[in-house]
Protein backbone atom coordinates (compact mmCIF):
# COMPACT_ATOMS: atom_id res chain seq x y z
CA MET A 1 104.26 101.77 78.79
CA SER A 2 106.14 101.14 82.02
CA LYS A 3 104.11 99.60 84.82
CA ILE A 4 104.56 102.33 87.39
CA TYR A 5 101.77 104.10 89.22
CA SER A 6 102.36 107.83 89.60
CA LYS A 7 100.66 111.11 90.39
CA LYS A 8 101.26 114.59 88.98
CA GLN A 9 100.58 117.89 90.72
CA GLY A 10 101.29 121.46 89.76
CA SER A 11 102.97 122.95 86.73
CA GLY A 12 106.42 124.26 85.87
CA ASP A 13 109.80 122.56 85.69
CA PRO A 14 109.41 118.86 86.55
CA ILE A 15 110.67 117.24 89.72
CA VAL A 16 110.37 113.51 90.50
CA LEU A 17 110.24 112.25 94.09
CA ILE A 18 111.11 108.58 94.72
CA HIS A 19 110.11 107.00 98.03
CA GLY A 20 112.10 104.72 100.29
CA PHE A 21 111.92 101.13 101.53
CA CYS A 22 108.47 99.93 102.64
CA GLU A 23 107.00 103.28 101.59
CA THR A 24 104.83 104.56 98.76
CA SER A 25 104.43 107.86 96.98
CA GLU A 26 102.30 108.98 99.94
CA ILE A 27 105.46 109.46 102.02
CA TRP A 28 105.95 112.84 100.33
CA LYS A 29 102.56 114.14 101.48
CA PRO A 30 104.02 116.68 103.97
CA ILE A 31 105.81 118.68 101.25
CA VAL A 32 104.39 117.80 97.83
CA ASN A 33 101.55 120.35 97.85
CA LYS A 34 103.92 123.23 98.59
CA LEU A 35 106.39 122.11 95.93
CA ALA A 36 103.52 121.90 93.44
CA LEU A 37 102.85 125.63 93.84
CA SER A 38 105.86 126.33 91.60
CA ASN A 39 106.75 123.01 89.94
CA GLU A 40 105.25 120.01 88.19
CA VAL A 41 105.76 117.37 90.89
CA HIS A 42 105.66 113.67 90.09
CA THR A 43 105.47 111.06 92.84
CA LEU A 44 105.64 107.39 91.95
CA ASP A 45 105.33 103.95 93.52
CA LEU A 46 108.42 101.85 92.86
CA PRO A 47 107.67 98.39 91.42
CA GLY A 48 106.17 96.21 94.15
CA PHE A 49 105.11 99.09 96.40
CA GLY A 50 101.73 100.79 96.53
CA ALA A 51 99.87 100.36 93.25
CA SER A 52 102.86 99.30 91.13
CA PRO A 53 103.23 95.55 90.46
CA LEU A 54 106.32 93.65 91.60
CA PRO A 55 108.52 92.30 88.77
CA THR A 56 108.03 88.59 88.20
CA GLU A 57 111.75 88.00 87.65
CA ALA A 58 114.69 88.50 90.00
CA PHE A 59 115.98 92.09 89.93
CA THR A 60 118.73 94.43 91.05
CA LEU A 61 118.32 98.09 91.94
CA GLU A 62 119.82 98.92 88.54
CA ASP A 63 116.97 96.93 86.98
CA ILE A 64 114.50 98.98 89.01
CA SER A 65 116.21 102.18 87.87
CA GLY A 66 115.80 100.97 84.28
CA THR A 67 112.06 100.64 84.82
CA VAL A 68 111.95 104.13 86.31
CA TYR A 69 113.93 105.45 83.34
CA GLN A 70 111.40 103.94 80.94
CA TRP A 71 108.65 105.65 82.94
CA ILE A 72 110.59 108.93 82.59
CA VAL A 73 110.78 108.46 78.81
CA ASP A 74 107.12 107.44 78.56
CA ASN A 75 106.11 110.62 80.37
CA ASN A 76 108.55 112.93 78.55
CA LEU A 77 110.31 113.80 81.81
CA GLN A 78 113.90 113.83 80.57
CA GLY A 79 115.69 116.76 82.17
CA SER A 80 113.83 116.45 85.48
CA ILE A 81 115.30 116.85 88.93
CA ILE A 82 115.16 113.48 90.71
CA ILE A 83 115.15 113.20 94.52
CA GLY A 84 115.14 109.85 96.30
CA HIS A 85 114.55 108.99 99.93
CA SER A 86 116.74 106.18 101.29
CA LEU A 87 116.08 103.25 98.88
CA GLY A 88 114.82 105.87 96.42
CA GLY A 89 118.25 107.47 96.59
CA TYR A 90 119.90 104.18 95.61
CA VAL A 91 117.62 104.02 92.57
CA THR A 92 118.36 107.66 91.79
CA LEU A 93 122.11 106.99 91.86
CA ALA A 94 121.68 104.16 89.38
CA LEU A 95 119.70 106.52 87.13
CA ALA A 96 122.48 109.10 87.34
CA LYS A 97 125.02 106.42 86.51
CA ASN A 98 123.27 104.95 83.49
CA HIS A 99 121.25 107.91 82.18
CA PRO A 100 122.97 111.14 83.31
CA LYS A 101 121.62 113.14 80.38
CA ALA A 102 118.08 112.44 81.53
CA ILE A 103 118.66 114.19 84.87
CA LYS A 104 119.01 117.93 85.48
CA GLY A 105 120.24 117.31 89.03
CA PHE A 106 119.58 114.77 91.75
CA GLY A 107 119.11 114.60 95.48
CA LEU A 108 119.93 112.01 98.13
CA PHE A 109 117.35 112.44 100.89
CA HIS A 110 118.64 110.47 103.90
CA SER A 111 120.45 108.16 101.50
CA SER A 112 123.98 107.11 100.59
CA ALA A 113 126.23 106.22 97.69
CA LEU A 114 128.11 103.70 99.83
CA ALA A 115 127.57 99.97 99.53
CA ASP A 116 126.50 97.99 102.60
CA ASP A 117 129.36 96.98 104.85
CA GLU A 118 129.44 93.45 106.29
CA GLU A 119 127.59 94.47 109.43
CA LYS A 120 124.77 96.03 107.42
CA LYS A 121 124.56 93.01 105.13
CA SER A 122 124.27 90.75 108.15
CA SER A 123 121.52 92.97 109.54
CA ARG A 124 119.57 92.75 106.29
CA ASN A 125 119.87 88.95 106.30
CA LYS A 126 118.55 88.86 109.87
CA THR A 127 115.64 91.07 108.86
CA ILE A 128 114.74 88.72 106.02
CA ASP A 129 114.72 85.77 108.43
CA PHE A 130 112.67 87.73 110.95
CA VAL A 131 110.02 88.75 108.42
CA LYS A 132 109.69 85.19 107.13
CA LYS A 133 109.07 83.99 110.69
CA ARG A 134 107.04 86.85 112.18
CA GLY A 135 105.49 88.70 109.24
CA VAL A 136 105.71 92.16 107.75
CA MET A 137 103.48 94.01 110.22
CA VAL A 138 105.45 92.89 113.26
CA PHE A 139 108.59 94.08 111.53
CA ALA A 140 106.96 97.39 110.51
CA GLU A 141 105.86 98.19 114.05
CA SER A 142 109.47 98.12 115.21
CA PHE A 143 111.20 99.32 112.05
CA VAL A 144 109.30 102.56 111.44
CA THR A 145 109.58 103.94 114.96
CA GLN A 146 113.36 103.59 114.85
CA LEU A 147 113.50 105.78 111.74
CA PHE A 148 112.42 108.80 113.78
CA TYR A 149 114.73 110.52 116.27
CA LEU A 150 113.73 109.58 119.82
CA LYS A 151 112.94 113.15 120.83
CA ASN A 152 110.54 113.58 117.90
CA ARG A 153 108.47 110.44 118.43
CA SER A 154 105.85 111.74 120.87
CA ARG A 155 105.26 114.86 118.72
CA LEU A 156 104.88 112.72 115.61
CA LYS A 157 102.92 109.82 117.08
CA LYS A 158 100.11 110.09 114.51
CA GLU A 159 102.55 110.31 111.61
CA ILE A 160 104.50 107.30 112.87
CA GLU A 161 101.26 105.31 113.00
CA GLU A 162 100.47 106.32 109.40
CA VAL A 163 103.91 105.33 108.13
CA THR A 164 103.76 102.06 110.09
CA LYS A 165 100.47 101.21 108.40
CA MET A 166 102.01 102.08 105.03
CA ALA A 167 105.00 99.81 105.70
CA GLY A 168 102.77 97.03 107.02
CA ASN A 169 100.93 96.92 103.70
CA THR A 170 104.12 95.88 101.91
CA SER A 171 104.01 92.28 100.73
CA GLU A 172 106.52 89.85 102.19
CA GLU A 173 107.88 89.08 98.73
CA THR A 174 108.45 92.75 97.96
CA LEU A 175 110.18 93.33 101.28
CA VAL A 176 112.49 90.34 100.93
CA ARG A 177 113.45 90.97 97.30
CA TYR A 178 114.23 94.63 97.89
CA MET A 179 116.16 93.81 101.05
CA GLU A 180 118.30 91.44 98.98
CA ALA A 181 118.72 94.03 96.22
CA MET A 182 119.81 96.71 98.70
CA ARG A 183 122.22 94.28 100.37
CA ASP A 184 123.85 93.44 97.04
CA ARG A 185 124.03 96.93 95.51
CA PRO A 186 127.49 98.21 94.51
CA ASP A 187 129.37 101.20 95.85
CA ASN A 188 128.30 104.23 93.83
CA THR A 189 130.57 106.95 95.21
CA GLU A 190 132.17 107.25 91.77
CA ILE A 191 128.89 108.75 90.57
CA LEU A 192 129.21 111.55 93.12
CA LYS A 193 132.73 112.20 91.89
CA THR A 194 131.89 112.33 88.18
CA PHE A 195 128.37 113.79 87.98
CA ASP A 196 128.82 117.35 86.71
CA LYS A 197 125.40 118.73 87.60
CA PRO A 198 124.05 119.85 91.01
CA VAL A 199 123.65 117.26 93.75
CA LEU A 200 121.50 117.77 96.85
CA PHE A 201 122.35 115.92 100.06
CA ILE A 202 119.85 116.10 102.93
CA ALA A 203 121.06 114.29 106.06
CA GLY A 204 119.80 114.00 109.62
CA ASP A 205 122.34 114.40 112.41
CA GLN A 206 120.46 111.74 114.42
CA ASP A 207 119.88 109.29 111.56
CA SER A 208 120.51 105.74 112.79
CA SER A 209 119.95 104.24 109.32
CA VAL A 210 122.44 106.47 107.48
CA PRO A 211 124.88 107.71 110.17
CA ILE A 212 125.88 111.33 109.75
CA GLU A 213 129.58 110.43 109.79
CA LYS A 214 129.11 108.29 106.67
CA SER A 215 127.15 111.05 104.97
CA GLN A 216 129.80 113.64 105.76
CA ALA A 217 132.50 111.43 104.26
CA GLN A 218 130.71 111.67 100.90
CA PHE A 219 130.20 115.44 100.80
CA GLU A 220 133.68 116.21 99.52
CA TYR A 221 133.17 114.03 96.43
CA ILE A 222 130.42 116.22 94.96
CA LYS A 223 131.41 118.68 92.22
CA LYS A 224 128.38 120.94 92.66
CA PRO A 225 127.21 120.33 96.23
CA PHE A 226 124.04 121.55 97.84
CA ILE A 227 124.19 120.11 101.35
CA HIS A 228 121.84 120.40 104.30
CA VAL A 229 122.44 118.67 107.63
CA LEU A 230 119.25 118.76 109.69
CA ASN A 231 119.62 119.12 113.44
CA ASN A 232 117.68 116.78 115.76
CA VAL A 233 116.36 114.79 112.80
CA GLY A 234 116.54 111.06 112.16
CA HIS A 235 115.75 109.34 108.86
CA MET A 236 112.41 110.99 108.14
CA GLY A 237 113.08 114.66 107.55
CA MET A 238 109.90 115.20 105.55
CA TYR A 239 108.04 114.69 108.86
CA GLU A 240 110.64 115.62 111.46
CA ASP A 241 111.54 119.02 109.93
CA THR A 242 109.12 119.61 107.09
CA ALA A 243 109.89 123.32 106.70
CA ALA A 244 113.66 122.81 106.42
CA CYS A 245 113.26 119.98 103.90
CA PHE A 246 110.89 121.99 101.74
CA LEU A 247 113.24 124.98 101.81
CA ALA A 248 116.27 122.81 100.95
CA ILE A 249 114.50 121.27 97.96
CA ARG A 250 113.05 124.61 96.85
CA GLN A 251 116.49 126.25 96.94
CA PHE A 252 118.03 123.27 95.14
CA ILE A 253 115.48 123.55 92.34
CA ASP A 254 116.43 127.21 91.93
CA ALA A 255 120.17 126.48 92.15
CA SER A 256 119.97 123.72 89.55
CA GLY A 257 119.61 126.39 86.92
CA SER A 258 122.77 128.20 88.01
CA ASN A 259 126.35 127.53 89.16
CA GLU A 260 125.46 128.13 92.81
CA THR A 261 126.59 125.73 95.54
CA GLN A 262 125.62 125.73 99.18
CA VAL A 263 126.59 123.92 102.33
CA GLU A 264 124.44 124.31 105.40
CA ARG A 265 124.64 123.23 109.01
CA LYS A 266 123.25 125.46 111.75
CA GLY A 267 123.12 128.13 109.05
CA ALA A 268 124.89 128.42 105.72
CA LEU A 269 128.61 127.75 105.48
CA PRO A 270 130.95 128.98 102.75
CA ASP A 271 131.81 126.26 100.27
CA GLN A 272 135.52 126.50 101.07
CA ASP A 273 134.76 125.53 104.68
CA LEU A 274 133.17 122.22 103.63
CA LYS A 275 135.88 119.88 104.84
CA ARG A 276 136.77 121.77 107.99
CA ASN A 277 133.25 122.35 109.30
CA LEU A 278 131.62 119.09 108.29
CA GLY A 279 134.42 116.75 109.31
CA CYS A 280 135.21 115.50 105.82
CA GLY A 281 138.97 115.88 106.07
């Protein structure tokens, strides 16, 4: 059996939620109970986070996706919808690349198929040096706050404290090895171009980690797009606009059984207006 800690709630068609960097399965707490009213919802801790042990050998994100795939097989979850937040989205893309038949549809939740550019790689290297010198908690106290849009921070002060504590519990080794794996991951936009099942893209228009311009540039690649751009939201939509994120995922689950596509920003847009209205041209 794969060494991944997970929880299951609800019944119905299965959906798997994969957390982001320095997070655990608890990051989905704002929406998982509502999703579980109509679906069997699985939340897991990626290897090294939460209750899942860190691999003893060096790894890539494709290796991590292989471990997640084995967990999917062990739990008879082939044909699930997979949604990944940030780092979780990178793992989801690798799953879609290597095991497309195991996925009914997938979602990138404040994530990207693009590889790191040189500036981002340099930033990750600086973070590694900083954490080795100052420790994980000092990093977490600065890192987490920046994930939330400035105008949402006072309203979500308690939630930011909870996520900061979650991030601060990450081991230094886990943080460094995943930072290196994210830095070295390949460009995966080809997956968006070739995947022939529905793809959900949830993006924040104030996301400093995954800039909206870079997200928009990827929308036109998707064959069966289901796109939501959240207004006045940073990188943490599950907290910053819980209702909109739940609705987007709920609608995506329903659409994954049909040929429906949807593009939304300040209300729904016709699919033919994708390039013009979302700046993809």
